[in-house]
Amino acid sequence: MLVVLLSLIGGLGVGYATGGRLSNIAHAHFRLAWLVVASLALQLIAFSAIGSHLGSGWVIALHLASYGALLVFVGLNVRSPGVAVASVGVLCNALAIAANGGYMPAGRAALAAAGVLYSGDSAANSHLIDGGTRFAFLGDVFAVPKGVPMANVFSAGDVLIAAGLALLIVLAMRRHTGRAQAQEAA
């Protein structure tokens, strides 16, 4: 969550610093953008109190479906540079989750550094990395250390998603401004 928040703040900061305007984001158009909201909703359901009542089979199905929705969205919008960067992150996360039975692999050292080490081998959406983990390097192996607000673990895919989101914001903030300046010059 902190990684995404920082990408939003960073994208807005760079967007403003390079002459962009927040109002220009309203002019950005993406095909089936509602799939992003649907994906977030599926994850909120899966990893909330509702998901705990549904059982692990439904939670896994909802988790995989959320990434399916994201993959459709990025596939339809990959021509946008921000979406193209984020799509690599979505693919990395989806691969790690799908290859590990619907759970994101999480490194014990990263969990300990973030102060979120859980008892047992799994939490709502992740499993500890062990000898049978596939694509462990794509898992949550990085940490925002405990003591930092919203400390948690994150993956290389999360970093790419955040970078793509920041780029998307910067370009959307500048896009309309560039057209307006070109029209004024003509």
N, C-alpha and C. Protein backbone atom coordinates (compact mmCIF):
# COMPACT_ATOMS: atom_id res chain seq x y z
N MET A 1 0.82 -1.19 0.00
CA MET A 1 0.00 0.00 0.00
C MET A 1 0.87 1.26 0.00
N LEU A 2 1.95 1.26 0.80
CA LEU A 2 2.84 2.41 0.85
C LEU A 2 3.50 2.63 -0.50
N VAL A 3 3.85 1.56 -1.19
CA VAL A 3 4.49 1.68 -2.50
C VAL A 3 3.55 2.38 -3.49
N VAL A 4 2.27 2.02 -3.47
CA VAL A 4 1.29 2.64 -4.36
C VAL A 4 1.07 4.10 -3.96
N LEU A 5 0.97 4.36 -2.66
CA LEU A 5 0.78 5.73 -2.18
C LEU A 5 1.95 6.61 -2.61
N LEU A 6 3.17 6.09 -2.47
CA LEU A 6 4.34 6.86 -2.89
C LEU A 6 4.34 7.10 -4.40
N SER A 7 3.87 6.13 -5.17
CA SER A 7 3.82 6.32 -6.63
C SER A 7 2.79 7.39 -6.99
N LEU A 8 1.67 7.43 -6.27
CA LEU A 8 0.67 8.48 -6.52
C LEU A 8 1.24 9.85 -6.20
N ILE A 9 1.86 9.97 -5.03
CA ILE A 9 2.44 11.25 -4.62
C ILE A 9 3.57 11.66 -5.56
N GLY A 10 4.45 10.70 -5.88
CA GLY A 10 5.55 10.99 -6.79
C GLY A 10 5.06 11.39 -8.18
N GLY A 11 4.08 10.66 -8.70
CA GLY A 11 3.53 10.98 -10.01
C GLY A 11 2.92 12.37 -10.04
N LEU A 12 2.17 12.70 -9.00
CA LEU A 12 1.56 14.03 -8.93
C LEU A 12 2.64 15.11 -8.81
N GLY A 13 3.65 14.85 -7.98
CA GLY A 13 4.74 15.82 -7.81
C GLY A 13 5.49 16.08 -9.10
N VAL A 14 5.87 15.02 -9.78
CA VAL A 14 6.60 15.17 -11.04
C VAL A 14 5.68 15.78 -12.10
N GLY A 15 4.42 15.38 -12.09
CA GLY A 15 3.46 15.96 -13.04
C GLY A 15 3.35 17.46 -12.89
N TYR A 16 3.21 17.93 -11.65
CA TYR A 16 3.16 19.37 -11.41
C TYR A 16 4.49 20.05 -11.74
N ALA A 17 5.60 19.43 -11.35
CA ALA A 17 6.92 20.02 -11.56
C ALA A 17 7.25 20.17 -13.04
N THR A 18 6.64 19.35 -13.88
CA THR A 18 6.92 19.42 -15.32
C THR A 18 5.82 20.15 -16.09
N GLY A 19 5.01 20.91 -15.36
CA GLY A 19 4.01 21.76 -16.01
C GLY A 19 2.66 21.12 -16.23
N GLY A 20 2.44 19.97 -15.66
CA GLY A 20 1.15 19.32 -15.84
C GLY A 20 0.08 19.88 -14.91
N ARG A 21 -1.15 19.50 -15.19
CA ARG A 21 -2.29 19.92 -14.37
C ARG A 21 -3.10 18.69 -13.98
N LEU A 22 -3.55 18.69 -12.73
CA LEU A 22 -4.38 17.59 -12.24
C LEU A 22 -5.65 17.44 -13.06
N SER A 23 -6.22 18.54 -13.49
CA SER A 23 -7.47 18.50 -14.27
C SER A 23 -7.30 17.76 -15.59
N ASN A 24 -6.08 17.67 -16.09
CA ASN A 24 -5.85 16.98 -17.36
C ASN A 24 -6.06 15.47 -17.26
N ILE A 25 -5.98 14.94 -16.04
CA ILE A 25 -6.18 13.50 -15.85
C ILE A 25 -7.58 13.09 -16.31
N ALA A 26 -8.53 14.02 -16.19
CA ALA A 26 -9.91 13.73 -16.62
C ALA A 26 -9.99 13.43 -18.11
N HIS A 27 -9.01 13.86 -18.88
CA HIS A 27 -9.02 13.64 -20.33
C HIS A 27 -8.37 12.32 -20.75
N ALA A 28 -7.80 11.62 -19.79
CA ALA A 28 -7.18 10.32 -20.09
C ALA A 28 -8.29 9.28 -20.31
N HIS A 29 -8.15 8.49 -21.34
CA HIS A 29 -9.17 7.47 -21.65
C HIS A 29 -8.50 6.11 -21.77
N PHE A 30 -9.12 5.14 -21.11
CA PHE A 30 -8.63 3.77 -21.15
C PHE A 30 -9.78 2.84 -21.46
N ARG A 31 -9.48 1.81 -22.21
CA ARG A 31 -10.51 0.82 -22.54
C ARG A 31 -10.79 -0.05 -21.32
N LEU A 32 -12.07 -0.22 -21.02
CA LEU A 32 -12.56 -1.05 -19.91
C LEU A 32 -11.85 -0.73 -18.58
N ALA A 33 -11.74 0.55 -18.28
CA ALA A 33 -11.08 0.98 -17.04
C ALA A 33 -11.77 0.43 -15.80
N TRP A 34 -13.04 0.11 -15.90
CA TRP A 34 -13.78 -0.44 -14.75
C TRP A 34 -13.18 -1.77 -14.30
N LEU A 35 -12.40 -2.44 -15.14
CA LEU A 35 -11.78 -3.70 -14.74
C LEU A 35 -10.78 -3.50 -13.59
N VAL A 36 -10.15 -2.33 -13.54
CA VAL A 36 -9.22 -2.05 -12.44
C VAL A 36 -10.00 -1.96 -11.13
N VAL A 37 -11.12 -1.27 -11.16
CA VAL A 37 -11.97 -1.14 -9.96
C VAL A 37 -12.53 -2.51 -9.58
N ALA A 38 -12.95 -3.29 -10.56
CA ALA A 38 -13.46 -4.64 -10.29
C ALA A 38 -12.38 -5.51 -9.66
N SER A 39 -11.15 -5.39 -10.15
CA SER A 39 -10.04 -6.17 -9.59
C SER A 39 -9.80 -5.81 -8.13
N LEU A 40 -9.78 -4.52 -7.85
CA LEU A 40 -9.60 -4.08 -6.46
C LEU A 40 -10.74 -4.56 -5.58
N ALA A 41 -11.96 -4.51 -6.10
CA ALA A 41 -13.12 -4.98 -5.33
C ALA A 41 -13.01 -6.47 -5.03
N LEU A 42 -12.59 -7.25 -6.02
CA LEU A 42 -12.42 -8.69 -5.80
C LEU A 42 -11.39 -8.97 -4.72
N GLN A 43 -10.29 -8.21 -4.72
CA GLN A 43 -9.28 -8.42 -3.69
C GLN A 43 -9.77 -7.95 -2.32
N LEU A 44 -10.53 -6.86 -2.29
CA LEU A 44 -11.09 -6.41 -1.01
C LEU A 44 -12.02 -7.46 -0.42
N ILE A 45 -12.83 -8.06 -1.26
CA ILE A 45 -13.74 -9.12 -0.80
C ILE A 45 -12.93 -10.33 -0.33
N ALA A 46 -11.97 -10.74 -1.15
CA ALA A 46 -11.20 -11.95 -0.84
C ALA A 46 -10.43 -11.83 0.48
N PHE A 47 -9.85 -10.66 0.73
CA PHE A 47 -8.96 -10.52 1.88
C PHE A 47 -9.57 -9.70 3.01
N SER A 48 -10.89 -9.72 3.09
CA SER A 48 -11.60 -9.06 4.18
C SER A 48 -12.30 -10.13 5.02
N ALA A 49 -13.12 -9.67 5.94
CA ALA A 49 -13.90 -10.59 6.77
C ALA A 49 -14.83 -11.44 5.91
N ILE A 50 -15.28 -10.89 4.81
CA ILE A 50 -16.15 -11.65 3.90
C ILE A 50 -15.40 -12.87 3.37
N GLY A 51 -14.17 -12.65 2.92
CA GLY A 51 -13.36 -13.74 2.39
C GLY A 51 -13.09 -14.83 3.41
N SER A 52 -12.92 -14.44 4.66
CA SER A 52 -12.65 -15.45 5.69
C SER A 52 -13.85 -16.37 5.89
N HIS A 53 -15.04 -15.91 5.53
CA HIS A 53 -16.24 -16.75 5.64
C HIS A 53 -16.47 -17.58 4.38
N LEU A 54 -15.83 -17.20 3.28
CA LEU A 54 -16.05 -17.91 2.02
C LEU A 54 -15.25 -19.21 1.92
N GLY A 55 -14.13 -19.27 2.59
CA GLY A 55 -13.26 -20.44 2.49
C GLY A 55 -12.13 -20.20 1.52
N SER A 56 -11.07 -20.97 1.67
CA SER A 56 -9.85 -20.73 0.89
C SER A 56 -10.05 -20.93 -0.61
N GLY A 57 -10.90 -21.86 -1.01
CA GLY A 57 -11.13 -22.06 -2.45
C GLY A 57 -11.69 -20.82 -3.12
N TRP A 58 -12.63 -20.18 -2.48
CA TRP A 58 -13.22 -18.96 -3.04
C TRP A 58 -12.23 -17.80 -3.00
N VAL A 59 -11.46 -17.72 -1.92
CA VAL A 59 -10.47 -16.65 -1.80
C VAL A 59 -9.45 -16.76 -2.93
N ILE A 60 -8.97 -17.96 -3.18
CA ILE A 60 -8.01 -18.19 -4.27
C ILE A 60 -8.65 -17.83 -5.61
N ALA A 61 -9.88 -18.26 -5.83
CA ALA A 61 -10.56 -17.95 -7.09
C ALA A 61 -10.72 -16.44 -7.28
N LEU A 62 -11.10 -15.74 -6.23
CA LEU A 62 -11.25 -14.29 -6.32
C LEU A 62 -9.91 -13.61 -6.58
N HIS A 63 -8.86 -14.10 -5.92
CA HIS A 63 -7.52 -13.53 -6.11
C HIS A 63 -7.07 -13.71 -7.56
N LEU A 64 -7.21 -14.92 -8.08
CA LEU A 64 -6.83 -15.17 -9.47
C LEU A 64 -7.70 -14.39 -10.45
N ALA A 65 -9.00 -14.29 -10.16
CA ALA A 65 -9.91 -13.53 -11.03
C ALA A 65 -9.52 -12.05 -11.04
N SER A 66 -9.06 -11.53 -9.90
CA SER A 66 -8.66 -10.11 -9.85
C SER A 66 -7.48 -9.87 -10.79
N TYR A 67 -6.54 -10.81 -10.81
CA TYR A 67 -5.41 -10.66 -11.72
C TYR A 67 -5.83 -10.90 -13.17
N GLY A 68 -6.79 -11.77 -13.39
CA GLY A 68 -7.32 -11.95 -14.73
C GLY A 68 -7.91 -10.66 -15.27
N ALA A 69 -8.67 -9.96 -14.43
CA ALA A 69 -9.25 -8.68 -14.83
C ALA A 69 -8.16 -7.66 -15.13
N LEU A 70 -7.13 -7.61 -14.29
CA LEU A 70 -6.02 -6.68 -14.54
C LEU A 70 -5.29 -7.01 -15.83
N LEU A 71 -5.10 -8.30 -16.09
CA LEU A 71 -4.40 -8.69 -17.32
C LEU A 71 -5.20 -8.29 -18.56
N VAL A 72 -6.51 -8.41 -18.51
CA VAL A 72 -7.34 -7.96 -19.64
C VAL A 72 -7.19 -6.45 -19.81
N PHE A 73 -7.28 -5.70 -18.70
CA PHE A 73 -7.14 -4.25 -18.78
C PHE A 73 -5.79 -3.85 -19.38
N VAL A 74 -4.69 -4.40 -18.86
CA VAL A 74 -3.38 -3.99 -19.38
C VAL A 74 -3.19 -4.45 -20.82
N GLY A 75 -3.76 -5.59 -21.17
CA GLY A 75 -3.67 -6.04 -22.56
C GLY A 75 -4.37 -5.09 -23.52
N LEU A 76 -5.47 -4.52 -23.09
CA LEU A 76 -6.22 -3.59 -23.94
C LEU A 76 -5.61 -2.20 -23.99
N ASN A 77 -4.79 -1.86 -22.99
CA ASN A 77 -4.28 -0.50 -22.87
C ASN A 77 -2.76 -0.42 -22.87
N VAL A 78 -2.11 -1.46 -23.33
CA VAL A 78 -0.65 -1.56 -23.24
C VAL A 78 0.07 -0.50 -24.07
N ARG A 79 -0.61 0.16 -24.97
CA ARG A 79 0.04 1.20 -25.79
C ARG A 79 0.37 2.45 -24.97
N SER A 80 -0.29 2.60 -23.84
CA SER A 80 0.04 3.70 -22.94
C SER A 80 1.34 3.35 -22.23
N PRO A 81 2.35 4.24 -22.27
CA PRO A 81 3.64 3.90 -21.63
C PRO A 81 3.50 3.52 -20.15
N GLY A 82 2.67 4.22 -19.41
CA GLY A 82 2.49 3.89 -18.00
C GLY A 82 1.89 2.51 -17.82
N VAL A 83 0.91 2.19 -18.62
CA VAL A 83 0.28 0.86 -18.54
C VAL A 83 1.27 -0.21 -18.99
N ALA A 84 2.09 0.10 -19.98
CA ALA A 84 3.08 -0.89 -20.44
C ALA A 84 4.04 -1.26 -19.32
N VAL A 85 4.51 -0.27 -18.56
CA VAL A 85 5.42 -0.56 -17.44
C VAL A 85 4.67 -1.36 -16.37
N ALA A 86 3.46 -0.90 -16.02
CA ALA A 86 2.67 -1.58 -15.00
C ALA A 86 2.32 -3.00 -15.43
N SER A 87 2.13 -3.21 -16.72
CA SER A 87 1.74 -4.54 -17.20
C SER A 87 2.81 -5.58 -16.91
N VAL A 88 4.07 -5.19 -16.96
CA VAL A 88 5.15 -6.14 -16.63
C VAL A 88 5.03 -6.54 -15.16
N GLY A 89 4.73 -5.58 -14.31
CA GLY A 89 4.54 -5.88 -12.89
C GLY A 89 3.33 -6.76 -12.64
N VAL A 90 2.24 -6.48 -13.34
CA VAL A 90 1.03 -7.31 -13.20
C VAL A 90 1.34 -8.74 -13.65
N LEU A 91 2.05 -8.87 -14.76
CA LEU A 91 2.42 -10.21 -15.25
C LEU A 91 3.31 -10.95 -14.24
N CYS A 92 4.28 -10.24 -13.66
CA CYS A 92 5.16 -10.87 -12.67
C CYS A 92 4.37 -11.36 -11.46
N ASN A 93 3.50 -10.50 -10.93
CA ASN A 93 2.70 -10.89 -9.77
C ASN A 93 1.74 -12.03 -10.12
N ALA A 94 1.09 -11.92 -11.27
CA ALA A 94 0.14 -12.97 -11.68
C ALA A 94 0.86 -14.31 -11.84
N LEU A 95 2.04 -14.29 -12.42
CA LEU A 95 2.81 -15.53 -12.59
C LEU A 95 3.16 -16.14 -11.24
N ALA A 96 3.66 -15.32 -10.32
CA ALA A 96 4.03 -15.82 -8.99
C ALA A 96 2.83 -16.39 -8.25
N ILE A 97 1.71 -15.70 -8.33
CA ILE A 97 0.50 -16.13 -7.62
C ILE A 97 -0.08 -17.39 -8.25
N ALA A 98 -0.21 -17.41 -9.57
CA ALA A 98 -0.78 -18.58 -10.25
C ALA A 98 0.09 -19.81 -10.07
N ALA A 99 1.42 -19.64 -10.12
CA ALA A 99 2.33 -20.78 -10.01
C ALA A 99 2.39 -21.34 -8.59
N ASN A 100 1.86 -20.59 -7.63
CA ASN A 100 1.92 -21.02 -6.24
C ASN A 100 0.53 -21.18 -5.64
N GLY A 101 -0.37 -21.70 -6.45
CA GLY A 101 -1.69 -22.08 -5.96
C GLY A 101 -2.60 -20.95 -5.55
N GLY A 102 -2.38 -19.76 -6.08
CA GLY A 102 -3.25 -18.63 -5.78
C GLY A 102 -2.75 -17.76 -4.65
N TYR A 103 -1.56 -18.03 -4.16
CA TYR A 103 -0.98 -17.24 -3.09
C TYR A 103 0.33 -16.60 -3.53
N MET A 104 0.60 -15.39 -3.08
CA MET A 104 1.87 -14.73 -3.36
C MET A 104 2.92 -15.29 -2.41
N PRO A 105 4.05 -15.74 -2.93
CA PRO A 105 5.12 -16.20 -2.04
C PRO A 105 5.68 -15.00 -1.27
N ALA A 106 5.99 -15.20 0.00
CA ALA A 106 6.53 -14.12 0.83
C ALA A 106 7.77 -14.62 1.56
N GLY A 107 8.80 -13.83 1.53
CA GLY A 107 10.06 -14.18 2.18
C GLY A 107 10.02 -13.94 3.68
N ARG A 108 10.50 -14.91 4.43
CA ARG A 108 10.50 -14.82 5.90
C ARG A 108 11.30 -13.59 6.36
N ALA A 109 12.46 -13.33 5.75
CA ALA A 109 13.29 -12.19 6.15
C ALA A 109 12.57 -10.87 5.89
N ALA A 110 11.90 -10.77 4.75
CA ALA A 110 11.15 -9.54 4.44
C ALA A 110 10.00 -9.35 5.41
N LEU A 111 9.28 -10.44 5.71
CA LEU A 111 8.17 -10.35 6.67
C LEU A 111 8.67 -9.93 8.04
N ALA A 112 9.80 -10.48 8.46
CA ALA A 112 10.37 -10.12 9.76
C ALA A 112 10.79 -8.65 9.77
N ALA A 113 11.43 -8.19 8.69
CA ALA A 113 11.87 -6.80 8.61
C ALA A 113 10.69 -5.84 8.67
N ALA A 114 9.58 -6.25 8.07
CA ALA A 114 8.38 -5.40 8.08
C ALA A 114 7.59 -5.53 9.37
N GLY A 115 7.94 -6.54 10.18
CA GLY A 115 7.22 -6.75 11.43
C GLY A 115 5.86 -7.39 11.24
N VAL A 116 5.69 -8.11 10.14
CA VAL A 116 4.40 -8.75 9.85
C VAL A 116 4.51 -10.26 9.76
N LEU A 117 5.56 -10.83 10.35
CA LEU A 117 5.71 -12.28 10.32
C LEU A 117 4.52 -12.92 11.02
N TYR A 118 3.89 -13.86 10.35
CA TYR A 118 2.71 -14.49 10.89
C TYR A 118 3.02 -15.91 11.35
N SER A 119 2.17 -16.41 12.21
CA SER A 119 2.36 -17.78 12.66
C SER A 119 1.87 -18.73 11.58
N GLY A 120 2.48 -19.88 11.47
CA GLY A 120 2.09 -20.83 10.43
C GLY A 120 2.78 -20.52 9.12
N ASP A 121 2.30 -21.14 8.07
CA ASP A 121 2.93 -20.99 6.76
C ASP A 121 2.24 -20.00 5.85
N SER A 122 1.07 -19.48 6.23
CA SER A 122 0.36 -18.61 5.31
C SER A 122 -0.45 -17.55 6.04
N ALA A 123 -0.78 -16.52 5.28
CA ALA A 123 -1.69 -15.47 5.71
C ALA A 123 -2.80 -15.43 4.67
N ALA A 124 -3.62 -14.41 4.71
CA ALA A 124 -4.77 -14.34 3.81
C ALA A 124 -4.39 -14.48 2.34
N ASN A 125 -3.35 -13.78 1.90
CA ASN A 125 -3.03 -13.81 0.48
C ASN A 125 -1.61 -14.26 0.16
N SER A 126 -0.90 -14.79 1.14
CA SER A 126 0.47 -15.21 0.85
C SER A 126 0.86 -16.45 1.64
N HIS A 127 1.89 -17.12 1.12
CA HIS A 127 2.51 -18.28 1.76
C HIS A 127 3.99 -18.01 1.92
N LEU A 128 4.56 -18.53 2.98
CA LEU A 128 6.00 -18.40 3.15
C LEU A 128 6.74 -19.14 2.05
N ILE A 129 7.81 -18.55 1.59
CA ILE A 129 8.66 -19.20 0.58
C ILE A 129 9.32 -20.41 1.22
N ASP A 130 9.26 -21.55 0.51
CA ASP A 130 9.94 -22.76 0.96
C ASP A 130 10.55 -23.44 -0.24
N GLY A 131 11.04 -24.64 -0.07
CA GLY A 131 11.71 -25.37 -1.15
C GLY A 131 10.83 -25.65 -2.36
N GLY A 132 9.51 -25.68 -2.18
CA GLY A 132 8.61 -25.96 -3.29
C GLY A 132 8.05 -24.73 -3.98
N THR A 133 8.48 -23.57 -3.55
CA THR A 133 7.96 -22.32 -4.12
C THR A 133 8.51 -22.10 -5.52
N ARG A 134 7.61 -21.79 -6.42
CA ARG A 134 8.00 -21.46 -7.80
C ARG A 134 8.12 -19.95 -7.94
N PHE A 135 9.12 -19.52 -8.68
CA PHE A 135 9.33 -18.08 -8.94
C PHE A 135 9.41 -17.27 -7.65
N ALA A 136 10.11 -17.79 -6.66
CA ALA A 136 10.22 -17.11 -5.37
C ALA A 136 10.76 -15.69 -5.52
N PHE A 137 11.65 -15.48 -6.48
CA PHE A 137 12.23 -14.15 -6.68
C PHE A 137 11.19 -13.12 -7.10
N LEU A 138 10.02 -13.58 -7.59
CA LEU A 138 8.94 -12.66 -7.95
C LEU A 138 7.99 -12.39 -6.78
N GLY A 139 8.25 -13.03 -5.66
CA GLY A 139 7.38 -12.89 -4.50
C GLY A 139 7.65 -11.62 -3.71
N ASP A 140 6.99 -11.51 -2.58
CA ASP A 140 7.16 -10.38 -1.68
C ASP A 140 8.45 -10.59 -0.89
N VAL A 141 9.55 -10.16 -1.48
CA VAL A 141 10.86 -10.37 -0.88
C VAL A 141 11.53 -9.07 -0.44
N PHE A 142 10.84 -7.97 -0.59
CA PHE A 142 11.32 -6.66 -0.16
C PHE A 142 10.41 -6.17 0.96
N ALA A 143 10.93 -5.27 1.80
CA ALA A 143 10.13 -4.81 2.93
C ALA A 143 10.24 -3.32 3.14
N VAL A 144 9.11 -2.72 3.51
CA VAL A 144 9.11 -1.41 4.13
C VAL A 144 9.25 -1.74 5.61
N PRO A 145 10.35 -1.32 6.25
CA PRO A 145 10.64 -1.80 7.60
C PRO A 145 9.65 -1.35 8.66
N LYS A 146 9.51 -2.21 9.68
CA LYS A 146 8.63 -1.86 10.79
C LYS A 146 9.12 -0.54 11.38
N GLY A 147 8.18 0.21 11.88
CA GLY A 147 8.49 1.54 12.37
C GLY A 147 8.12 2.60 11.35
N VAL A 148 8.08 2.23 10.09
CA VAL A 148 7.62 3.13 9.04
C VAL A 148 6.11 2.93 8.89
N PRO A 149 5.35 4.01 8.79
CA PRO A 149 3.90 3.82 8.63
C PRO A 149 3.59 2.90 7.44
N MET A 150 2.62 2.04 7.62
CA MET A 150 2.17 1.08 6.60
C MET A 150 3.27 0.09 6.22
N ALA A 151 4.13 -0.27 7.17
CA ALA A 151 5.19 -1.24 6.91
C ALA A 151 4.57 -2.53 6.37
N ASN A 152 5.19 -3.09 5.36
CA ASN A 152 4.69 -4.32 4.76
C ASN A 152 5.74 -4.85 3.80
N VAL A 153 5.44 -5.97 3.18
CA VAL A 153 6.32 -6.57 2.18
C VAL A 153 5.79 -6.25 0.79
N PHE A 154 6.70 -6.30 -0.18
CA PHE A 154 6.29 -6.04 -1.56
C PHE A 154 7.23 -6.76 -2.51
N SER A 155 6.81 -6.84 -3.77
CA SER A 155 7.54 -7.59 -4.79
C SER A 155 8.10 -6.65 -5.85
N ALA A 156 8.95 -7.21 -6.70
CA ALA A 156 9.45 -6.46 -7.86
C ALA A 156 8.27 -6.07 -8.76
N GLY A 157 7.28 -6.95 -8.87
CA GLY A 157 6.09 -6.62 -9.64
C GLY A 157 5.36 -5.41 -9.08
N ASP A 158 5.28 -5.32 -7.75
CA ASP A 158 4.64 -4.16 -7.12
C ASP A 158 5.38 -2.87 -7.47
N VAL A 159 6.72 -2.94 -7.50
CA VAL A 159 7.52 -1.76 -7.84
C VAL A 159 7.24 -1.34 -9.28
N LEU A 160 7.15 -2.30 -10.19
CA LEU A 160 6.86 -1.98 -11.59
C LEU A 160 5.44 -1.42 -11.75
N ILE A 161 4.50 -1.96 -11.01
CA ILE A 161 3.13 -1.43 -11.05
C ILE A 161 3.13 0.01 -10.55
N ALA A 162 3.82 0.26 -9.45
CA ALA A 162 3.89 1.61 -8.89
C ALA A 162 4.58 2.58 -9.86
N ALA A 163 5.67 2.14 -10.48
CA ALA A 163 6.37 3.00 -11.44
C ALA A 163 5.48 3.30 -12.64
N GLY A 164 4.76 2.29 -13.11
CA GLY A 164 3.84 2.50 -14.23
C GLY A 164 2.73 3.46 -13.86
N LEU A 165 2.21 3.34 -12.64
CA LEU A 165 1.16 4.25 -12.18
C LEU A 165 1.68 5.68 -12.11
N ALA A 166 2.88 5.86 -11.57
CA ALA A 166 3.47 7.20 -11.50
C ALA A 166 3.65 7.78 -12.90
N LEU A 167 4.18 6.99 -13.83
CA LEU A 167 4.37 7.44 -15.21
C LEU A 167 3.03 7.78 -15.85
N LEU A 168 2.04 6.96 -15.61
CA LEU A 168 0.69 7.20 -16.14
C LEU A 168 0.16 8.55 -15.67
N ILE A 169 0.34 8.85 -14.39
CA ILE A 169 -0.13 10.12 -13.83
C ILE A 169 0.61 11.29 -14.46
N VAL A 170 1.94 11.19 -14.52
CA VAL A 170 2.74 12.28 -15.10
C VAL A 170 2.31 12.55 -16.53
N LEU A 171 2.21 11.51 -17.34
CA LEU A 171 1.85 11.69 -18.75
C LEU A 171 0.43 12.21 -18.91
N ALA A 172 -0.49 11.74 -18.07
CA ALA A 172 -1.87 12.21 -18.15
C ALA A 172 -1.96 13.68 -17.74
N MET A 173 -1.20 14.07 -16.74
CA MET A 173 -1.22 15.47 -16.30
C MET A 173 -0.64 16.39 -17.37
N ARG A 174 0.33 15.91 -18.11
CA ARG A 174 1.00 16.74 -19.12
C ARG A 174 0.35 16.67 -20.50
N ARG A 175 -0.35 15.60 -20.78
CA ARG A 175 -0.86 15.36 -22.13
C ARG A 175 -1.69 16.53 -22.65
N HIS A 176 -2.71 16.89 -21.96
CA HIS A 176 -3.61 17.95 -22.44
C HIS A 176 -2.89 19.29 -22.46
N THR A 177 -1.99 19.53 -21.50
CA THR A 177 -1.24 20.77 -21.43
C THR A 177 -0.39 20.93 -22.69
N GLY A 178 0.25 19.86 -23.12
CA GLY A 178 1.07 19.91 -24.32
C GLY A 178 0.26 20.25 -25.55
N ARG A 179 -0.93 19.68 -25.67
CA ARG A 179 -1.81 19.99 -26.82
C ARG A 179 -2.26 21.44 -26.77
N ALA A 180 -2.62 21.91 -25.56
CA ALA A 180 -3.08 23.29 -25.42
C ALA A 180 -1.97 24.27 -25.77
N GLN A 181 -0.73 23.99 -25.34
CA GLN A 181 0.39 24.86 -25.65
C GLN A 181 0.68 24.86 -27.16
N ALA A 182 0.55 23.71 -27.80
CA ALA A 182 0.78 23.62 -29.24
C ALA A 182 -0.28 24.42 -30.00
N GLN A 183 -1.53 24.36 -29.53
CA GLN A 183 -2.61 25.11 -30.18
C GLN A 183 -2.41 26.61 -29.98
N GLU A 184 -1.93 27.02 -28.79
CA GLU A 184 -1.69 28.43 -28.54
C GLU A 184 -0.57 28.96 -29.42
N ALA A 185 0.45 28.13 -29.68
CA ALA A 185 1.58 28.54 -30.49
C ALA A 185 1.21 28.68 -31.96
N ALA A 186 0.18 27.96 -32.39
CA ALA A 186 -0.20 27.96 -33.81
C ALA A 186 -1.00 29.14 -34.20
